[in-house]
Amino acid sequence: MDSQEEKRRHTRVPYHSPIQFIVLSSENAEFQRIEASGEIVDASSSGIGVLTCFPLVPGHVVEWDDKHQKGKLHIALVKWSMPQEDRYRAGLMII
């Protein structure tokens, strides 16, 4: 994970909050919207780190509602993901 940290433009700081999100993916020419949940573990102005049971993979698009601003939607691109015990740790770049 050190290589991802070195590539970041903005320093991430610890941030712990549950997150409910939608994963948008296109597999086998079929578009899918999958509801999932997890925990935000760190954040910066350009991205977040999450832990989730859903197997996120680079290229997935994730969207979630802002819990502080009603009606505001966040969209992010999964940049990297790796298994971590029984979950997945992933880095999302806000787009």
PDB file of N, CA and C in Angstrom:
ATOM      1  N   MET A   1       0.816  -1.186   0.000  1.00  0.00           N
ATOM      2  CA  MET A   1       0.000   0.000   0.000  1.00  0.00           C
ATOM      3  C   MET A   1       0.860   1.251   0.000  1.00  0.00           C
ATOM      4  N   ASP A   2       2.109   1.166   0.329  1.00  0.00           N
ATOM      5  CA  ASP A   2       2.972   2.333   0.339  1.00  0.00           C
ATOM      6  C   ASP A   2       3.042   3.013  -1.015  1.00  0.00           C
ATOM      7  N   SER A   3       3.017   2.236  -2.101  1.00  0.00           N
ATOM      8  CA  SER A   3       3.115   2.837  -3.428  1.00  0.00           C
ATOM      9  C   SER A   3       1.909   3.722  -3.723  1.00  0.00           C
ATOM     10  N   GLN A   4       0.709   3.365  -3.229  1.00  0.00           N
ATOM     11  CA  GLN A   4      -0.461   4.208  -3.427  1.00  0.00           C
ATOM     12  C   GLN A   4      -0.307   5.512  -2.658  1.00  0.00           C
ATOM     13  N   GLU A   5       0.192   5.435  -1.444  1.00  0.00           N
ATOM     14  CA  GLU A   5       0.338   6.628  -0.636  1.00  0.00           C
ATOM     15  C   GLU A   5       1.306   7.618  -1.273  1.00  0.00           C
ATOM     16  N   GLU A   6       2.363   7.122  -1.893  1.00  0.00           N
ATOM     17  CA  GLU A   6       3.342   7.998  -2.519  1.00  0.00           C
ATOM     18  C   GLU A   6       2.765   8.725  -3.716  1.00  0.00           C
ATOM     19  N   LYS A   7       1.761   8.179  -4.387  1.00  0.00           N
ATOM     20  CA  LYS A   7       1.174   8.772  -5.571  1.00  0.00           C
ATOM     21  C   LYS A   7       0.096   9.809  -5.238  1.00  0.00           C
ATOM     22  N   ARG A   8      -0.320   9.889  -4.010  1.00  0.00           N
ATOM     23  CA  ARG A   8      -1.407  10.794  -3.625  1.00  0.00           C
ATOM     24  C   ARG A   8      -0.964  12.243  -3.668  1.00  0.00           C
ATOM     25  N   ARG A   9      -1.853  13.084  -4.175  1.00  0.00           N
ATOM     26  CA  ARG A   9      -1.591  14.523  -4.209  1.00  0.00           C
ATOM     27  C   ARG A   9      -1.951  15.177  -2.883  1.00  0.00           C
ATOM     28  N   HIS A  10      -2.946  14.598  -2.191  1.00  0.00           N
ATOM     29  CA  HIS A  10      -3.426  15.162  -0.935  1.00  0.00           C
ATOM     30  C   HIS A  10      -3.278  14.134   0.179  1.00  0.00           C
ATOM     31  N   THR A  11      -2.804  14.551   1.306  1.00  0.00           N
ATOM     32  CA  THR A  11      -2.623  13.664   2.444  1.00  0.00           C
ATOM     33  C   THR A  11      -3.981  13.243   2.994  1.00  0.00           C
ATOM     34  N   ARG A  12      -4.119  11.948   3.211  1.00  0.00           N
ATOM     35  CA  ARG A  12      -5.354  11.438   3.829  1.00  0.00           C
ATOM     36  C   ARG A  12      -5.186  11.455   5.334  1.00  0.00           C
ATOM     37  N   VAL A  13      -6.283  11.762   6.011  1.00  0.00           N
ATOM     38  CA  VAL A  13      -6.287  11.766   7.472  1.00  0.00           C
ATOM     39  C   VAL A  13      -7.306  10.729   7.945  1.00  0.00           C
ATOM     40  N   PRO A  14      -7.085  10.143   9.111  1.00  0.00           N
ATOM     41  CA  PRO A  14      -8.053   9.170   9.625  1.00  0.00           C
ATOM     42  C   PRO A  14      -9.449   9.782   9.721  1.00  0.00           C
ATOM     43  N   TYR A  15     -10.436   8.999   9.320  1.00  0.00           N
ATOM     44  CA  TYR A  15     -11.833   9.440   9.355  1.00  0.00           C
ATOM     45  C   TYR A  15     -12.659   8.172   9.416  1.00  0.00           C
ATOM     46  N   HIS A  16     -13.457   8.023  10.445  1.00  0.00           N
ATOM     47  CA  HIS A  16     -14.231   6.791  10.610  1.00  0.00           C
ATOM     48  C   HIS A  16     -15.717   7.104  10.573  1.00  0.00           C
ATOM     49  N   SER A  17     -16.381   6.534   9.552  1.00  0.00           N
ATOM     50  CA  SER A  17     -17.810   6.756   9.385  1.00  0.00           C
ATOM     51  C   SER A  17     -18.385   5.630   8.534  1.00  0.00           C
ATOM     52  N   PRO A  18     -19.571   5.132   8.893  1.00  0.00           N
ATOM     53  CA  PRO A  18     -20.202   4.124   8.043  1.00  0.00           C
ATOM     54  C   PRO A  18     -20.603   4.764   6.715  1.00  0.00           C
ATOM     55  N   ILE A  19     -20.666   3.954   5.663  1.00  0.00           N
ATOM     56  CA  ILE A  19     -21.057   4.450   4.343  1.00  0.00           C
ATOM     57  C   ILE A  19     -21.929   3.408   3.647  1.00  0.00           C
ATOM     58  N   GLN A  20     -23.014   3.871   3.060  1.00  0.00           N
ATOM     59  CA  GLN A  20     -23.877   3.059   2.203  1.00  0.00           C
ATOM     60  C   GLN A  20     -23.626   3.573   0.790  1.00  0.00           C
ATOM     61  N   PHE A  21     -23.336   2.695  -0.154  1.00  0.00           N
ATOM     62  CA  PHE A  21     -23.018   3.158  -1.492  1.00  0.00           C
ATOM     63  C   PHE A  21     -23.583   2.238  -2.561  1.00  0.00           C
ATOM     64  N   ILE A  22     -23.584   2.743  -3.791  1.00  0.00           N
ATOM     65  CA  ILE A  22     -24.008   1.987  -4.961  1.00  0.00           C
ATOM     66  C   ILE A  22     -22.764   1.760  -5.818  1.00  0.00           C
ATOM     67  N   VAL A  23     -22.545   0.524  -6.237  1.00  0.00           N
ATOM     68  CA  VAL A  23     -21.440   0.192  -7.135  1.00  0.00           C
ATOM     69  C   VAL A  23     -22.023   0.094  -8.539  1.00  0.00           C
ATOM     70  N   LEU A  24     -21.448   0.854  -9.454  1.00  0.00           N
ATOM     71  CA  LEU A  24     -21.870   0.809 -10.848  1.00  0.00           C
ATOM     72  C   LEU A  24     -20.797   0.054 -11.618  1.00  0.00           C
ATOM     73  N   SER A  25     -21.191  -1.025 -12.263  1.00  0.00           N
ATOM     74  CA  SER A  25     -20.207  -1.790 -13.029  1.00  0.00           C
ATOM     75  C   SER A  25     -20.841  -2.330 -14.301  1.00  0.00           C
ATOM     76  N   SER A  26     -20.001  -2.632 -15.237  1.00  0.00           N
ATOM     77  CA  SER A  26     -20.440  -3.205 -16.505  1.00  0.00           C
ATOM     78  C   SER A  26     -19.617  -4.462 -16.739  1.00  0.00           C
ATOM     79  N   GLU A  27     -20.244  -5.608 -16.542  1.00  0.00           N
ATOM     80  CA  GLU A  27     -19.563  -6.879 -16.738  1.00  0.00           C
ATOM     81  C   GLU A  27     -20.344  -7.711 -17.735  1.00  0.00           C
ATOM     82  N   ASN A  28     -19.633  -8.320 -18.669  1.00  0.00           N
ATOM     83  CA  ASN A  28     -20.263  -9.144 -19.703  1.00  0.00           C
ATOM     84  C   ASN A  28     -21.345  -8.364 -20.450  1.00  0.00           C
ATOM     85  N   ALA A  29     -21.059  -7.099 -20.765  1.00  0.00           N
ATOM     86  CA  ALA A  29     -21.970  -6.214 -21.500  1.00  0.00           C
ATOM     87  C   ALA A  29     -23.280  -5.970 -20.748  1.00  0.00           C
ATOM     88  N   GLU A  30     -23.283  -6.192 -19.446  1.00  0.00           N
ATOM     89  CA  GLU A  30     -24.476  -5.979 -18.632  1.00  0.00           C
ATOM     90  C   GLU A  30     -24.172  -4.946 -17.557  1.00  0.00           C
ATOM     91  N   PHE A  31     -24.986  -3.882 -17.517  1.00  0.00           N
ATOM     92  CA  PHE A  31     -24.810  -2.818 -16.536  1.00  0.00           C
ATOM     93  C   PHE A  31     -25.447  -3.243 -15.216  1.00  0.00           C
ATOM     94  N   GLN A  32     -24.722  -3.047 -14.109  1.00  0.00           N
ATOM     95  CA  GLN A  32     -25.228  -3.444 -12.800  1.00  0.00           C
ATOM     96  C   GLN A  32     -25.147  -2.292 -11.806  1.00  0.00           C
ATOM     97  N   ARG A  33     -26.162  -2.203 -10.952  1.00  0.00           N
ATOM     98  CA  ARG A  33     -26.172  -1.272  -9.819  1.00  0.00           C
ATOM     99  C   ARG A  33     -26.332  -2.139  -8.574  1.00  0.00           C
ATOM    100  N   ILE A  34     -25.303  -2.170  -7.741  1.00  0.00           N
ATOM    101  CA  ILE A  34     -25.306  -3.046  -6.574  1.00  0.00           C
ATOM    102  C   ILE A  34     -25.179  -2.206  -5.316  1.00  0.00           C
ATOM    103  N   GLU A  35     -26.093  -2.402  -4.370  1.00  0.00           N
ATOM    104  CA  GLU A  35     -26.032  -1.691  -3.096  1.00  0.00           C
ATOM    105  C   GLU A  35     -25.073  -2.418  -2.171  1.00  0.00           C
ATOM    106  N   ALA A  36     -24.233  -1.649  -1.483  1.00  0.00           N
ATOM    107  CA  ALA A  36     -23.269  -2.232  -0.554  1.00  0.00           C
ATOM    108  C   ALA A  36     -23.018  -1.237   0.575  1.00  0.00           C
ATOM    109  N   SER A  37     -22.267  -1.680   1.566  1.00  0.00           N
ATOM    110  CA  SER A  37     -21.949  -0.798   2.689  1.00  0.00           C
ATOM    111  C   SER A  37     -20.535  -1.085   3.157  1.00  0.00           C
ATOM    112  N   GLY A  38     -20.041  -0.194   3.980  1.00  0.00           N
ATOM    113  CA  GLY A  38     -18.703  -0.352   4.513  1.00  0.00           C
ATOM    114  C   GLY A  38     -18.403   0.744   5.497  1.00  0.00           C
ATOM    115  N   GLU A  39     -17.131   1.038   5.653  1.00  0.00           N
ATOM    116  CA  GLU A  39     -16.697   2.083   6.572  1.00  0.00           C
ATOM    117  C   GLU A  39     -15.614   2.924   5.902  1.00  0.00           C
ATOM    118  N   ILE A  40     -15.774   4.233   5.965  1.00  0.00           N
ATOM    119  CA  ILE A  40     -14.714   5.127   5.516  1.00  0.00           C
ATOM    120  C   ILE A  40     -13.659   5.105   6.607  1.00  0.00           C
ATOM    121  N   VAL A  41     -12.388   4.892   6.229  1.00  0.00           N
ATOM    122  CA  VAL A  41     -11.317   4.820   7.225  1.00  0.00           C
ATOM    123  C   VAL A  41     -10.342   5.996   7.143  1.00  0.00           C
ATOM    124  N   ASP A  42     -10.308   6.663   5.985  1.00  0.00           N
ATOM    125  CA  ASP A  42      -9.510   7.878   5.874  1.00  0.00           C
ATOM    126  C   ASP A  42     -10.061   8.718   4.722  1.00  0.00           C
ATOM    127  N   ALA A  43      -9.700  10.006   4.700  1.00  0.00           N
ATOM    128  CA  ALA A  43     -10.252  10.902   3.694  1.00  0.00           C
ATOM    129  C   ALA A  43      -9.292  12.043   3.396  1.00  0.00           C
ATOM    130  N   SER A  44      -9.429  12.585   2.185  1.00  0.00           N
ATOM    131  CA  SER A  44      -8.716  13.793   1.784  1.00  0.00           C
ATOM    132  C   SER A  44      -9.667  14.581   0.895  1.00  0.00           C
ATOM    133  N   SER A  45      -9.220  15.701   0.380  1.00  0.00           N
ATOM    134  CA  SER A  45     -10.079  16.493  -0.490  1.00  0.00           C
ATOM    135  C   SER A  45     -10.301  15.822  -1.843  1.00  0.00           C
ATOM    136  N   SER A  46      -9.490  14.808  -2.180  1.00  0.00           N
ATOM    137  CA  SER A  46      -9.638  14.166  -3.482  1.00  0.00           C
ATOM    138  C   SER A  46     -10.019  12.688  -3.431  1.00  0.00           C
ATOM    139  N   GLY A  47     -10.149  12.110  -2.233  1.00  0.00           N
ATOM    140  CA  GLY A  47     -10.505  10.702  -2.182  1.00  0.00           C
ATOM    141  C   GLY A  47     -10.754  10.196  -0.784  1.00  0.00           C
ATOM    142  N   ILE A  48     -11.168   8.930  -0.724  1.00  0.00           N
ATOM    143  CA  ILE A  48     -11.401   8.271   0.562  1.00  0.00           C
ATOM    144  C   ILE A  48     -10.846   6.854   0.510  1.00  0.00           C
ATOM    145  N   GLY A  49     -10.557   6.327   1.679  1.00  0.00           N
ATOM    146  CA  GLY A  49     -10.200   4.931   1.837  1.00  0.00           C
ATOM    147  C   GLY A  49     -11.359   4.236   2.524  1.00  0.00           C
ATOM    148  N   VAL A  50     -11.732   3.057   2.038  1.00  0.00           N
ATOM    149  CA  VAL A  50     -12.858   2.341   2.620  1.00  0.00           C
ATOM    150  C   VAL A  50     -12.493   0.897   2.930  1.00  0.00           C
ATOM    151  N   LEU A  51     -13.227   0.328   3.876  1.00  0.00           N
ATOM    152  CA  LEU A  51     -13.224  -1.105   4.163  1.00  0.00           C
ATOM    153  C   LEU A  51     -14.631  -1.605   3.879  1.00  0.00           C
ATOM    154  N   THR A  52     -14.753  -2.680   3.124  1.00  0.00           N
ATOM    155  CA  THR A  52     -16.070  -3.196   2.769  1.00  0.00           C
ATOM    156  C   THR A  52     -16.002  -4.700   2.545  1.00  0.00           C
ATOM    157  N   CYS A  53     -17.132  -5.364   2.674  1.00  0.00           N
ATOM    158  CA  CYS A  53     -17.209  -6.794   2.369  1.00  0.00           C
ATOM    159  C   CYS A  53     -17.416  -7.015   0.877  1.00  0.00           C
ATOM    160  N   PHE A  54     -17.837  -5.971   0.162  1.00  0.00           N
ATOM    161  CA  PHE A  54     -18.050  -6.091  -1.281  1.00  0.00           C
ATOM    162  C   PHE A  54     -16.702  -6.069  -2.004  1.00  0.00           C
ATOM    163  N   PRO A  55     -16.485  -6.969  -2.952  1.00  0.00           N
ATOM    164  CA  PRO A  55     -15.189  -7.039  -3.646  1.00  0.00           C
ATOM    165  C   PRO A  55     -15.026  -5.937  -4.701  1.00  0.00           C
ATOM    166  N   LEU A  56     -14.725  -4.728  -4.238  1.00  0.00           N
ATOM    167  CA  LEU A  56     -14.477  -3.627  -5.163  1.00  0.00           C
ATOM    168  C   LEU A  56     -13.240  -3.932  -5.999  1.00  0.00           C
ATOM    169  N   VAL A  57     -13.258  -3.513  -7.264  1.00  0.00           N
ATOM    170  CA  VAL A  57     -12.096  -3.687  -8.140  1.00  0.00           C
ATOM    171  C   VAL A  57     -11.819  -2.365  -8.850  1.00  0.00           C
ATOM    172  N   PRO A  58     -10.564  -2.121  -9.203  1.00  0.00           N
ATOM    173  CA  PRO A  58     -10.243  -0.895  -9.933  1.00  0.00           C
ATOM    174  C   PRO A  58     -11.124  -0.756 -11.177  1.00  0.00           C
ATOM    175  N   GLY A  59     -11.643   0.447 -11.361  1.00  0.00           N
ATOM    176  CA  GLY A  59     -12.533   0.708 -12.489  1.00  0.00           C
ATOM    177  C   GLY A  59     -13.993   0.790 -12.095  1.00  0.00           C
ATOM    178  N   HIS A  60     -14.371   0.168 -10.975  1.00  0.00           N
ATOM    179  CA  HIS A  60     -15.747   0.332 -10.509  1.00  0.00           C
ATOM    180  C   HIS A  60     -16.002   1.802 -10.210  1.00  0.00           C
ATOM    181  N   VAL A  61     -17.218   2.236 -10.453  1.00  0.00           N
ATOM    182  CA  VAL A  61     -17.654   3.572 -10.074  1.00  0.00           C
ATOM    183  C   VAL A  61     -18.580   3.404  -8.875  1.00  0.00           C
ATOM    184  N   VAL A  62     -18.366   4.239  -7.866  1.00  0.00           N
ATOM    185  CA  VAL A  62     -19.129   4.162  -6.624  1.00  0.00           C
ATOM    186  C   VAL A  62     -19.814   5.506  -6.402  1.00  0.00           C
ATOM    187  N   GLU A  63     -21.067   5.474  -5.973  1.00  0.00           N
ATOM    188  CA  GLU A  63     -21.774   6.720  -5.656  1.00  0.00           C
ATOM    189  C   GLU A  63     -22.440   6.603  -4.296  1.00  0.00           C
ATOM    190  N   TRP A  64     -22.511   7.722  -3.577  1.00  0.00           N
ATOM    191  CA  TRP A  64     -23.157   7.748  -2.275  1.00  0.00           C
ATOM    192  C   TRP A  64     -23.653   9.160  -1.980  1.00  0.00           C
ATOM    193  N   ASP A  65     -24.665   9.232  -1.112  1.00  0.00           N
ATOM    194  CA  ASP A  65     -25.219  10.513  -0.691  1.00  0.00           C
ATOM    195  C   ASP A  65     -24.365  11.116   0.405  1.00  0.00           C
ATOM    196  N   ASP A  66     -24.207  12.420   0.369  1.00  0.00           N
ATOM    197  CA  ASP A  66     -23.476  13.141   1.408  1.00  0.00           C
ATOM    198  C   ASP A  66     -24.348  13.197   2.651  1.00  0.00           C
ATOM    199  N   LYS A  67     -23.856  12.705   3.769  1.00  0.00           N
ATOM    200  CA  LYS A  67     -24.669  12.696   4.983  1.00  0.00           C
ATOM    201  C   LYS A  67     -24.756  14.078   5.633  1.00  0.00           C
ATOM    202  N   HIS A  68     -23.912  15.019   5.194  1.00  0.00           N
ATOM    203  CA  HIS A  68     -23.918  16.361   5.763  1.00  0.00           C
ATOM    204  C   HIS A  68     -24.714  17.357   4.916  1.00  0.00           C
ATOM    205  N   GLN A  69     -24.840  17.085   3.608  1.00  0.00           N
ATOM    206  CA  GLN A  69     -25.566  17.975   2.708  1.00  0.00           C
ATOM    207  C   GLN A  69     -26.620  17.168   1.961  1.00  0.00           C
ATOM    208  N   LYS A  70     -27.857  17.251   2.402  1.00  0.00           N
ATOM    209  CA  LYS A  70     -28.935  16.481   1.801  1.00  0.00           C
ATOM    210  C   LYS A  70     -29.057  16.804   0.310  1.00  0.00           C
ATOM    211  N   GLY A  71     -29.153  15.771  -0.490  1.00  0.00           N
ATOM    212  CA  GLY A  71     -29.302  15.930  -1.926  1.00  0.00           C
ATOM    213  C   GLY A  71     -27.990  15.978  -2.695  1.00  0.00           C
ATOM    214  N   LYS A  72     -26.858  16.049  -2.006  1.00  0.00           N
ATOM    215  CA  LYS A  72     -25.564  16.073  -2.684  1.00  0.00           C
ATOM    216  C   LYS A  72     -25.083  14.644  -2.891  1.00  0.00           C
ATOM    217  N   LEU A  73     -24.701  14.326  -4.114  1.00  0.00           N
ATOM    218  CA  LEU A  73     -24.246  12.993  -4.471  1.00  0.00           C
ATOM    219  C   LEU A  73     -22.743  13.015  -4.723  1.00  0.00           C
ATOM    220  N   HIS A  74     -22.033  12.039  -4.184  1.00  0.00           N
ATOM    221  CA  HIS A  74     -20.595  11.881  -4.442  1.00  0.00           C
ATOM    222  C   HIS A  74     -20.411  10.725  -5.416  1.00  0.00           C
ATOM    223  N   ILE A  75     -19.462  10.882  -6.324  1.00  0.00           N
ATOM    224  CA  ILE A  75     -19.117   9.824  -7.266  1.00  0.00           C
ATOM    225  C   ILE A  75     -17.608   9.649  -7.222  1.00  0.00           C
ATOM    226  N   ALA A  76     -17.167   8.398  -7.164  1.00  0.00           N
ATOM    227  CA  ALA A  76     -15.731   8.123  -7.082  1.00  0.00           C
ATOM    228  C   ALA A  76     -15.378   6.918  -7.945  1.00  0.00           C
ATOM    229  N   LEU A  77     -14.124   6.867  -8.331  1.00  0.00           N
ATOM    230  CA  LEU A  77     -13.581   5.770  -9.109  1.00  0.00           C
ATOM    231  C   LEU A  77     -12.679   4.939  -8.205  1.00  0.00           C
ATOM    232  N   VAL A  78     -12.870   3.623  -8.212  1.00  0.00           N
ATOM    233  CA  VAL A  78     -11.998   2.747  -7.429  1.00  0.00           C
ATOM    234  C   VAL A  78     -10.643   2.705  -8.138  1.00  0.00           C
ATOM    235  N   LYS A  79      -9.607   3.179  -7.452  1.00  0.00           N
ATOM    236  CA  LYS A  79      -8.257   3.212  -8.014  1.00  0.00           C
ATOM    237  C   LYS A  79      -7.468   1.950  -7.689  1.00  0.00           C
ATOM    238  N   TRP A  80      -7.681   1.400  -6.494  1.00  0.00           N
ATOM    239  CA  TRP A  80      -6.997   0.173  -6.097  1.00  0.00           C
ATOM    240  C   TRP A  80      -7.845  -0.537  -5.040  1.00  0.00           C
ATOM    241  N   SER A  81      -7.623  -1.824  -4.914  1.00  0.00           N
ATOM    242  CA  SER A  81      -8.344  -2.624  -3.928  1.00  0.00           C
ATOM    243  C   SER A  81      -7.485  -3.835  -3.584  1.00  0.00           C
ATOM    244  N   MET A  82      -7.550  -4.237  -2.312  1.00  0.00           N
ATOM    245  CA  MET A  82      -6.805  -5.432  -1.888  1.00  0.00           C
ATOM    246  C   MET A  82      -7.556  -6.121  -0.760  1.00  0.00           C
ATOM    247  N   PRO A  83      -7.488  -7.455  -0.717  1.00  0.00           N
ATOM    248  CA  PRO A  83      -8.104  -8.176   0.389  1.00  0.00           C
ATOM    249  C   PRO A  83      -7.412  -7.808   1.697  1.00  0.00           C
ATOM    250  N   GLN A  84      -8.209  -7.689   2.740  1.00  0.00           N
ATOM    251  CA  GLN A  84      -7.667  -7.416   4.075  1.00  0.00           C
ATOM    252  C   GLN A  84      -8.506  -8.212   5.064  1.00  0.00           C
ATOM    253  N   GLU A  85      -7.954  -9.334   5.517  1.00  0.00           N
ATOM    254  CA  GLU A  85      -8.663 -10.294   6.369  1.00  0.00           C
ATOM    255  C   GLU A  85      -9.925 -10.740   5.654  1.00  0.00           C
ATOM    256  N   ASP A  86     -11.111 -10.506   6.210  1.00  0.00           N
ATOM    257  CA  ASP A  86     -12.351 -10.953   5.576  1.00  0.00           C
ATOM    258  C   ASP A  86     -13.056  -9.836   4.812  1.00  0.00           C
ATOM    259  N   ARG A  87     -12.352  -8.724   4.567  1.00  0.00           N
ATOM    260  CA  ARG A  87     -12.941  -7.588   3.844  1.00  0.00           C
ATOM    261  C   ARG A  87     -11.985  -7.116   2.746  1.00  0.00           C
ATOM    262  N   TYR A  88     -12.361  -6.027   2.121  1.00  0.00           N
ATOM    263  CA  TYR A  88     -11.533  -5.403   1.100  1.00  0.00           C
ATOM    264  C   TYR A  88     -11.220  -3.980   1.515  1.00  0.00           C
ATOM    265  N   ARG A  89      -9.982  -3.576   1.324  1.00  0.00           N
ATOM    266  CA  ARG A  89      -9.543  -2.205   1.576  1.00  0.00           C
ATOM    267  C   ARG A  89      -9.370  -1.586   0.202  1.00  0.00           C
ATOM    268  N   ALA A  90     -10.006  -0.437  -0.040  1.00  0.00           N
ATOM    269  CA  ALA A  90      -9.944   0.177  -1.365  1.00  0.00           C
ATOM    270  C   ALA A  90      -9.718   1.670  -1.262  1.00  0.00           C
ATOM    271  N   GLY A  91      -9.083   2.208  -2.301  1.00  0.00           N
ATOM    272  CA  GLY A  91      -8.873   3.639  -2.427  1.00  0.00           C
ATOM    273  C   GLY A  91      -9.754   4.178  -3.527  1.00  0.00           C
ATOM    274  N   LEU A  92     -10.559   5.190  -3.201  1.00  0.00           N
ATOM    275  CA  LEU A  92     -11.482   5.781  -4.155  1.00  0.00           C
ATOM    276  C   LEU A  92     -11.096   7.224  -4.439  1.00  0.00           C
ATOM    277  N   MET A  93     -11.030   7.575  -5.723  1.00  0.00           N
ATOM    278  CA  MET A  93     -10.733   8.940  -6.132  1.00  0.00           C
ATOM    279  C   MET A  93     -12.046   9.622  -6.513  1.00  0.00           C
ATOM    280  N   ILE A  94     -12.350  10.703  -5.832  1.00  0.00           N
ATOM    281  CA  ILE A  94     -13.587  11.432  -6.107  1.00  0.00           C
ATOM    282  C   ILE A  94     -13.484  12.089  -7.476  1.00  0.00           C
ATOM    283  N   ILE A  95     -14.545  11.909  -8.280  1.00  0.00           N
ATOM    284  CA  ILE A  95     -14.558  12.501  -9.617  1.00  0.00           C
ATOM    285  C   ILE A  95     -15.713  13.477  -9.767  1.00  0.00           C
TER     286      ILE A  95
END
